Amino acid sequence: MTDEPFSASAIVHDLLYESAGKNYELEADELHALIQARRPGAASLLDVACGTGAHLEHLHRHYEVAGVDMSRSMLEVARNRLPGVAPGRR
């Protein structure tokens, strides 16, 4: 047993949310529009509680990205998804 709440579900996390209708690409596009409306020209983004990095995968098109999360399991998925980005545990 682990004390990490998402350790068992990290590898299926995105599948569960996507099957429930979550659209990471659409949400990332909406977030990009909000960021640019409030901070035109923003070039970097820190995703706190980045989870599996599903949003960062899309936001990476617009920004230099970094992510942090408390879950080692989620970060492992994020690192595999974004090999050029270094999400870290904080």
Foldseek 3Di string as FASTA:
>chain_A
DDPFPCQVPLVCVVVVVVVVPDDLLVVLVVVVVVCCVVPNPAAEDEAEQCFQVSNVLNNVVRHHYEYEHQDPNRQVNNCVSCVPYRYYYD
